[in-house]
Every structure is written in C-alpha cells, then in structure tokens.
Amino acid sequence: MAGTGDIEMALARVYGDSMLELAEKQGEADALLEELTDLAAFLDRDAGLDAFFMNPTLDENAREKSIEKMFRGRASDLLVNALQVLNRKGRLSLFRQVADAYHHAHQTLRGHAEVFVKTAVPLTAELRAKIVATMAEHTGKVPDLVESIDEDMLGGLIVQIGDEKFDSSVVQKLKVLGGSLHERALKEIHSDRTYVG
C-alpha cells in the first residue's frame, strides 16, 4: 500500500509533467523552470507566503483572489494558471514537490541528469572532468554535478543519481577517482588546511 508521501510524489509528477508538456508547446519550458525555482526559493525565505501556500484551512476562493493579485502580471500566465489549478484541487501545499518534479522532467527532456557528488575535500578540475565523463558514459546524458563537502568523510567520494545502482565497471572507475581524493584528503589533513563547504 502506497504511503501518503508516495501519493504526493506521484501527484506532483503528474502536475509537473503536465506543466512541462504545456510549457514546451508554448516554447516557455526553460523560463517556467526558472520561475518555479525562484518561487520555491522565495517560499523558503518568506514564512508568510509559505504559510499561505501550506495552510489547508484557507478559503479556496479567497486564496484564488490573492494569487491573482500577487502574481498576475508579475509572473507568466503559465505559472499563475498552474498555481490556480493547484489551489482549486487543494494541492497548493505540494508546490515544492511539483516544482521539483518539473525540474527533473525538464532535465530528462533536455538529456541531462543530476549527479550528486559528496567528497571530503573540494574536487579539482581534473577530477570533476573525470566524474562528468564517467557519468556521461554511464547514463548517456549530460551530467549536472551537485557538489557537497563533508569534512567528516575519510576521503573518497559518494556519487548518486536518484536511486540508481552502478555496475561494476562504473564502480571501478569511481574507486580510482575515490583513491585520488583519499590521497588528497590525507595531504590536506597533514598540511592542516581547512575548507568550508
């Protein structure tokens, strides 16, 4: 039986895919991605607007008027109409998940894949290029690296693309890269240099 989170993610994907299909037909898929990303980031900074989106007890008609007043003429009709659909369906609280689903669908459409890379020390340009090449070969897509530093790691690296598991050839290539990072981390530790992620 699917949990609430699974159902919400499935709904978010439906909305995200539908929005992308419409936006792509209108030649506005890239612009809508930017708007969705910006609005999601703004919600993270503005507790009042976040509460407006998340509160299920607000009257739908009153919220509809507020959405029109706040966004119409300042954002694309695509975005405003999408917000109104989410509001009418009682799904405005899923906005962040919908924006995330749109982002992933957009990446797939453009032949890109988000690759999360966690290392103990910052990647060198050479190692970054090797990871990109390895992941491009493995996925057949253009990798968009999302890098993070975890100083508690003892070296090496963690690479993740969704829930995908790597075959042995990719794991071996990554182990070689991880060995290089491990050696670099040891050198950094011994030279007492500190990086802030």
C-alpha atoms as a PDB file:
ATOM      1  CA  MET A   1       0.000   0.000   0.000  1.00  0.00           C
ATOM      2  CA  ALA A   2       1.358   3.412  -1.011  1.00  0.00           C
ATOM      3  CA  GLY A   3       2.096   5.864   1.783  1.00  0.00           C
ATOM      4  CA  THR A   4       0.992   9.495   1.849  1.00  0.00           C
ATOM      5  CA  GLY A   5       4.435  10.657   0.714  1.00  0.00           C
ATOM      6  CA  ASP A   6       4.375   8.278  -2.269  1.00  0.00           C
ATOM      7  CA  ILE A   7       0.921   9.501  -3.296  1.00  0.00           C
ATOM      8  CA  GLU A   8       2.005  13.138  -3.005  1.00  0.00           C
ATOM      9  CA  MET A   9       5.112  12.498  -5.113  1.00  0.00           C
ATOM     10  CA  ALA A  10       3.028  10.695  -7.745  1.00  0.00           C
ATOM     11  CA  LEU A  11       0.597  13.632  -7.866  1.00  0.00           C
ATOM     12  CA  ALA A  12       3.483  16.096  -8.059  1.00  0.00           C
ATOM     13  CA  ARG A  13       4.919  14.188 -11.028  1.00  0.00           C
ATOM     14  CA  VAL A  14       1.554  14.299 -12.823  1.00  0.00           C
ATOM     15  CA  TYR A  15       1.305  18.069 -12.336  1.00  0.00           C
ATOM     16  CA  GLY A  16       4.974  18.637 -13.179  1.00  0.00           C
ATOM     17  CA  ASP A  17       4.781  16.560 -16.367  1.00  0.00           C
ATOM     18  CA  SER A  18       1.579  18.303 -17.477  1.00  0.00           C
ATOM     19  CA  MET A  19       3.060  21.742 -16.849  1.00  0.00           C
ATOM     20  CA  LEU A  20       6.205  20.831 -18.789  1.00  0.00           C
ATOM     21  CA  GLU A  21       4.225  19.499 -21.726  1.00  0.00           C
ATOM     22  CA  LEU A  22       2.202  22.709 -21.958  1.00  0.00           C
ATOM     23  CA  ALA A  23       5.218  24.973 -21.408  1.00  0.00           C
ATOM     24  CA  GLU A  24       7.264  23.133 -24.047  1.00  0.00           C
ATOM     25  CA  LYS A  25       4.454  23.535 -26.599  1.00  0.00           C
ATOM     26  CA  GLN A  26       4.482  27.273 -25.914  1.00  0.00           C
ATOM     27  CA  GLY A  27       8.274  27.493 -26.053  1.00  0.00           C
ATOM     28  CA  GLU A  28       8.442  28.566 -22.401  1.00  0.00           C
ATOM     29  CA  ALA A  29       9.732  25.423 -20.664  1.00  0.00           C
ATOM     30  CA  ASP A  30      13.086  26.939 -19.681  1.00  0.00           C
ATOM     31  CA  ALA A  31      11.515  30.202 -18.497  1.00  0.00           C
ATOM     32  CA  LEU A  32       8.931  28.346 -16.408  1.00  0.00           C
ATOM     33  CA  LEU A  33      11.676  26.267 -14.798  1.00  0.00           C
ATOM     34  CA  GLU A  34      13.387  29.478 -13.702  1.00  0.00           C
ATOM     35  CA  GLU A  35      10.127  30.894 -12.312  1.00  0.00           C
ATOM     36  CA  LEU A  36       9.334  27.715 -10.382  1.00  0.00           C
ATOM     37  CA  THR A  37      12.865  27.576  -8.955  1.00  0.00           C
ATOM     38  CA  ASP A  38      12.753  31.233  -7.934  1.00  0.00           C
ATOM     39  CA  LEU A  39       9.328  30.915  -6.302  1.00  0.00           C
ATOM     40  CA  ALA A  40      10.347  27.781  -4.367  1.00  0.00           C
ATOM     41  CA  ALA A  41      13.445  29.618  -3.093  1.00  0.00           C
ATOM     42  CA  PHE A  42      11.313  32.638  -2.159  1.00  0.00           C
ATOM     43  CA  LEU A  43       8.940  30.405  -0.168  1.00  0.00           C
ATOM     44  CA  ASP A  44      11.957  29.196   1.810  1.00  0.00           C
ATOM     45  CA  ARG A  45      12.741  32.793   2.757  1.00  0.00           C
ATOM     46  CA  ASP A  46       9.222  34.162   3.311  1.00  0.00           C
ATOM     47  CA  ALA A  47       7.344  32.475   6.163  1.00  0.00           C
ATOM     48  CA  GLY A  48       4.149  34.406   5.418  1.00  0.00           C
ATOM     49  CA  LEU A  49       3.900  33.306   1.802  1.00  0.00           C
ATOM     50  CA  ASP A  50       4.923  29.793   2.780  1.00  0.00           C
ATOM     51  CA  ALA A  51       2.051  29.664   5.292  1.00  0.00           C
ATOM     52  CA  PHE A  52      -0.305  30.974   2.589  1.00  0.00           C
ATOM     53  CA  PHE A  53       0.695  28.073   0.323  1.00  0.00           C
ATOM     54  CA  MET A  54       0.741  25.387   3.011  1.00  0.00           C
ATOM     55  CA  ASN A  55      -2.365  26.207   5.094  1.00  0.00           C
ATOM     56  CA  PRO A  56      -5.194  23.816   4.100  1.00  0.00           C
ATOM     57  CA  THR A  57      -7.819  25.779   6.093  1.00  0.00           C
ATOM     58  CA  LEU A  58      -7.656  28.945   3.961  1.00  0.00           C
ATOM     59  CA  ASP A  59     -10.733  29.553   1.824  1.00  0.00           C
ATOM     60  CA  GLU A  60     -10.128  28.485  -1.788  1.00  0.00           C
ATOM     61  CA  ASN A  61     -11.926  31.498  -3.306  1.00  0.00           C
ATOM     62  CA  ALA A  62     -10.108  33.992  -1.099  1.00  0.00           C
ATOM     63  CA  ARG A  63      -6.787  32.340  -1.942  1.00  0.00           C
ATOM     64  CA  GLU A  64      -7.650  32.415  -5.665  1.00  0.00           C
ATOM     65  CA  LYS A  65      -8.154  36.184  -5.500  1.00  0.00           C
ATOM     66  CA  SER A  66      -4.912  36.610  -3.543  1.00  0.00           C
ATOM     67  CA  ILE A  67      -2.977  34.573  -6.123  1.00  0.00           C
ATOM     68  CA  GLU A  68      -4.328  36.778  -8.901  1.00  0.00           C
ATOM     69  CA  LYS A  69      -3.431  39.941  -7.001  1.00  0.00           C
ATOM     70  CA  MET A  70       0.081  38.769  -6.040  1.00  0.00           C
ATOM     71  CA  PHE A  71       1.192  37.068  -9.243  1.00  0.00           C
ATOM     72  CA  ARG A  72      -0.866  38.060 -12.307  1.00  0.00           C
ATOM     73  CA  GLY A  73       1.173  40.493 -14.408  1.00  0.00           C
ATOM     74  CA  ARG A  74       4.312  39.812 -12.345  1.00  0.00           C
ATOM     75  CA  ALA A  75       4.725  36.174 -13.353  1.00  0.00           C
ATOM     76  CA  SER A  76       3.932  34.281 -16.533  1.00  0.00           C
ATOM     77  CA  ASP A  77       0.362  33.222 -17.186  1.00  0.00           C
ATOM     78  CA  LEU A  78       1.646  29.638 -17.205  1.00  0.00           C
ATOM     79  CA  LEU A  79       2.832  29.937 -13.609  1.00  0.00           C
ATOM     80  CA  VAL A  80      -0.226  31.802 -12.356  1.00  0.00           C
ATOM     81  CA  ASN A  81      -2.606  29.365 -14.067  1.00  0.00           C
ATOM     82  CA  ALA A  82      -0.677  26.417 -12.595  1.00  0.00           C
ATOM     83  CA  LEU A  83      -0.950  27.947  -9.103  1.00  0.00           C
ATOM     84  CA  GLN A  84      -4.694  28.409  -9.622  1.00  0.00           C
ATOM     85  CA  VAL A  85      -5.131  24.775 -10.695  1.00  0.00           C
ATOM     86  CA  LEU A  86      -3.194  23.570  -7.640  1.00  0.00           C
ATOM     87  CA  ASN A  87      -5.340  25.836  -5.446  1.00  0.00           C
ATOM     88  CA  ARG A  88      -8.652  24.608  -6.933  1.00  0.00           C
ATOM     89  CA  LYS A  89      -7.587  20.984  -6.476  1.00  0.00           C
ATOM     90  CA  GLY A  90      -6.488  21.613  -2.878  1.00  0.00           C
ATOM     91  CA  ARG A  91      -2.866  20.818  -3.813  1.00  0.00           C
ATOM     92  CA  LEU A  92      -1.113  24.168  -3.397  1.00  0.00           C
ATOM     93  CA  SER A  93       0.793  22.721  -0.424  1.00  0.00           C
ATOM     94  CA  LEU A  94       2.509  20.393  -2.941  1.00  0.00           C
ATOM     95  CA  PHE A  95       4.053  23.327  -4.798  1.00  0.00           C
ATOM     96  CA  ARG A  96       7.662  22.499  -3.857  1.00  0.00           C
ATOM     97  CA  GLN A  97       7.231  18.852  -4.884  1.00  0.00           C
ATOM     98  CA  VAL A  98       5.608  19.945  -8.169  1.00  0.00           C
ATOM     99  CA  ALA A  99       8.482  22.364  -8.838  1.00  0.00           C
ATOM    100  CA  ASP A 100      10.958  19.564  -8.111  1.00  0.00           C
ATOM    101  CA  ALA A 101       9.080  17.129 -10.378  1.00  0.00           C
ATOM    102  CA  TYR A 102       9.059  19.745 -13.150  1.00  0.00           C
ATOM    103  CA  HIS A 103      12.799  20.248 -12.690  1.00  0.00           C
ATOM    104  CA  HIS A 104      13.507  16.507 -13.060  1.00  0.00           C
ATOM    105  CA  ALA A 105      11.165  16.136 -16.047  1.00  0.00           C
ATOM    106  CA  HIS A 106      12.819  19.169 -17.674  1.00  0.00           C
ATOM    107  CA  GLN A 107      16.273  17.665 -17.155  1.00  0.00           C
ATOM    108  CA  THR A 108      15.152  14.396 -18.738  1.00  0.00           C
ATOM    109  CA  LEU A 109      13.629  16.242 -21.690  1.00  0.00           C
ATOM    110  CA  ARG A 110      16.879  18.135 -22.241  1.00  0.00           C
ATOM    111  CA  GLY A 111      19.009  14.982 -21.875  1.00  0.00           C
ATOM    112  CA  HIS A 112      20.541  15.988 -18.540  1.00  0.00           C
ATOM    113  CA  ALA A 113      20.916  14.077 -15.270  1.00  0.00           C
ATOM    114  CA  GLU A 114      21.563  15.488 -11.794  1.00  0.00           C
ATOM    115  CA  VAL A 115      24.586  13.807 -10.224  1.00  0.00           C
ATOM    116  CA  PHE A 116      25.146  14.348  -6.505  1.00  0.00           C
ATOM    117  CA  VAL A 117      28.801  14.153  -5.524  1.00  0.00           C
ATOM    118  CA  LYS A 118      29.930  14.249  -1.897  1.00  0.00           C
ATOM    119  CA  THR A 119      33.642  14.465  -1.107  1.00  0.00           C
ATOM    120  CA  ALA A 120      35.885  15.160   1.880  1.00  0.00           C
ATOM    121  CA  VAL A 121      37.736  17.933   0.022  1.00  0.00           C
ATOM    122  CA  PRO A 122      36.784  20.101  -2.961  1.00  0.00           C
ATOM    123  CA  LEU A 123      37.077  18.453  -6.362  1.00  0.00           C
ATOM    124  CA  THR A 124      39.911  19.509  -8.605  1.00  0.00           C
ATOM    125  CA  ALA A 125      39.026  20.499 -12.161  1.00  0.00           C
ATOM    126  CA  GLU A 126      40.656  17.276 -13.378  1.00  0.00           C
ATOM    127  CA  LEU A 127      38.634  15.020 -11.058  1.00  0.00           C
ATOM    128  CA  ARG A 128      35.444  16.916 -11.844  1.00  0.00           C
ATOM    129  CA  ALA A 129      36.024  16.367 -15.559  1.00  0.00           C
ATOM    130  CA  LYS A 130      36.664  12.640 -14.971  1.00  0.00           C
ATOM    131  CA  ILE A 131      33.444  12.270 -12.971  1.00  0.00           C
ATOM    132  CA  VAL A 132      31.474  14.096 -15.657  1.00  0.00           C
ATOM    133  CA  ALA A 133      32.972  11.877 -18.374  1.00  0.00           C
ATOM    134  CA  THR A 134      32.324   8.686 -16.387  1.00  0.00           C
ATOM    135  CA  MET A 135      28.737   9.629 -15.599  1.00  0.00           C
ATOM    136  CA  ALA A 136      28.074  10.751 -19.184  1.00  0.00           C
ATOM    137  CA  GLU A 137      29.298   7.381 -20.418  1.00  0.00           C
ATOM    138  CA  HIS A 138      27.213   5.524 -17.839  1.00  0.00           C
ATOM    139  CA  THR A 139      23.934   7.451 -18.206  1.00  0.00           C
ATOM    140  CA  GLY A 140      24.092   8.599 -21.813  1.00  0.00           C
ATOM    141  CA  LYS A 141      23.098  12.042 -20.515  1.00  0.00           C
ATOM    142  CA  VAL A 142      24.805  15.323 -19.760  1.00  0.00           C
ATOM    143  CA  PRO A 143      25.658  15.214 -16.030  1.00  0.00           C
ATOM    144  CA  ASP A 144      24.865  18.269 -13.918  1.00  0.00           C
ATOM    145  CA  LEU A 145      27.090  17.897 -10.856  1.00  0.00           C
ATOM    146  CA  VAL A 146      25.716  18.960  -7.476  1.00  0.00           C
ATOM    147  CA  GLU A 147      28.779  19.022  -5.243  1.00  0.00           C
ATOM    148  CA  SER A 148      28.928  18.995  -1.456  1.00  0.00           C
ATOM    149  CA  ILE A 149      31.754  18.758   1.047  1.00  0.00           C
ATOM    150  CA  ASP A 150      31.617  16.502   4.090  1.00  0.00           C
ATOM    151  CA  GLU A 151      34.782  17.037   6.122  1.00  0.00           C
ATOM    152  CA  ASP A 152      33.866  14.036   8.304  1.00  0.00           C
ATOM    153  CA  MET A 153      34.426  11.702   5.365  1.00  0.00           C
ATOM    154  CA  LEU A 154      37.795   9.977   5.468  1.00  0.00           C
ATOM    155  CA  GLY A 155      38.354  10.517   1.761  1.00  0.00           C
ATOM    156  CA  GLY A 156      36.915   9.067  -1.383  1.00  0.00           C
ATOM    157  CA  LEU A 157      33.611  10.139  -2.803  1.00  0.00           C
ATOM    158  CA  ILE A 158      29.939   9.280  -2.899  1.00  0.00           C
ATOM    159  CA  VAL A 159      28.159   9.590  -6.249  1.00  0.00           C
ATOM    160  CA  GLN A 160      24.408   9.274  -6.568  1.00  0.00           C
ATOM    161  CA  ILE A 161      21.949   9.608  -9.437  1.00  0.00           C
ATOM    162  CA  GLY A 162      18.499   9.114  -7.965  1.00  0.00           C
ATOM    163  CA  ASP A 163      18.329   5.546  -6.641  1.00  0.00           C
ATOM    164  CA  GLU A 164      20.424   4.170  -9.477  1.00  0.00           C
ATOM    165  CA  LYS A 165      22.957   1.480  -8.650  1.00  0.00           C
ATOM    166  CA  PHE A 166      26.196   1.438 -10.617  1.00  0.00           C
ATOM    167  CA  ASP A 167      27.509  -1.589 -12.463  1.00  0.00           C
ATOM    168  CA  SER A 168      30.957  -2.910 -11.616  1.00  0.00           C
ATOM    169  CA  SER A 169      32.763  -1.043 -14.401  1.00  0.00           C
ATOM    170  CA  VAL A 170      31.422   2.315 -13.198  1.00  0.00           C
ATOM    171  CA  VAL A 171      32.132   1.436  -9.573  1.00  0.00           C
ATOM    172  CA  GLN A 172      35.728   0.578 -10.511  1.00  0.00           C
ATOM    173  CA  LYS A 173      36.181   3.899 -12.333  1.00  0.00           C
ATOM    174  CA  LEU A 174      34.756   5.722  -9.323  1.00  0.00           C
ATOM    175  CA  LYS A 175      37.029   3.776  -6.964  1.00  0.00           C
ATOM    176  CA  VAL A 176      40.022   5.061  -8.921  1.00  0.00           C
ATOM    177  CA  LEU A 177      38.708   8.609  -8.551  1.00  0.00           C
ATOM    178  CA  GLY A 178      37.934   7.971  -4.880  1.00  0.00           C
ATOM    179  CA  GLY A 179      41.500   6.768  -4.295  1.00  0.00           C
ATOM    180  CA  SER A 180      42.804  10.039  -5.714  1.00  0.00           C
ATOM    181  CA  LEU A 181      40.516  12.008  -3.417  1.00  0.00           C
ATOM    182  CA  HIS A 182      41.557   9.900  -0.423  1.00  0.00           C
ATOM    183  CA  GLU A 183      45.223  10.722  -1.086  1.00  0.00           C
ATOM    184  CA  ARG A 184      44.367  14.407  -1.468  1.00  0.00           C
ATOM    185  CA  ALA A 185      42.351  14.407   1.771  1.00  0.00           C
ATOM    186  CA  LEU A 186      45.294  12.900   3.648  1.00  0.00           C
ATOM    187  CA  LYS A 187      47.595  15.579   2.242  1.00  0.00           C
ATOM    188  CA  GLU A 188      45.129  18.305   3.283  1.00  0.00           C
ATOM    189  CA  ILE A 189      44.875  16.861   6.796  1.00  0.00           C
ATOM    190  CA  HIS A 190      48.636  16.682   7.152  1.00  0.00           C
ATOM    191  CA  SER A 191      49.084  20.213   5.888  1.00  0.00           C
ATOM    192  CA  ASP A 192      46.321  21.371   8.319  1.00  0.00           C
ATOM    193  CA  ARG A 193      44.299  23.154   5.627  1.00  0.00           C
ATOM    194  CA  THR A 194      40.595  23.627   6.231  1.00  0.00           C
ATOM    195  CA  TYR A 195      37.855  24.085   3.659  1.00  0.00           C
ATOM    196  CA  VAL A 196      34.432  25.470   4.392  1.00  0.00           C
ATOM    197  CA  GLY A 197      31.723  23.799   2.249  1.00  0.00           C
END
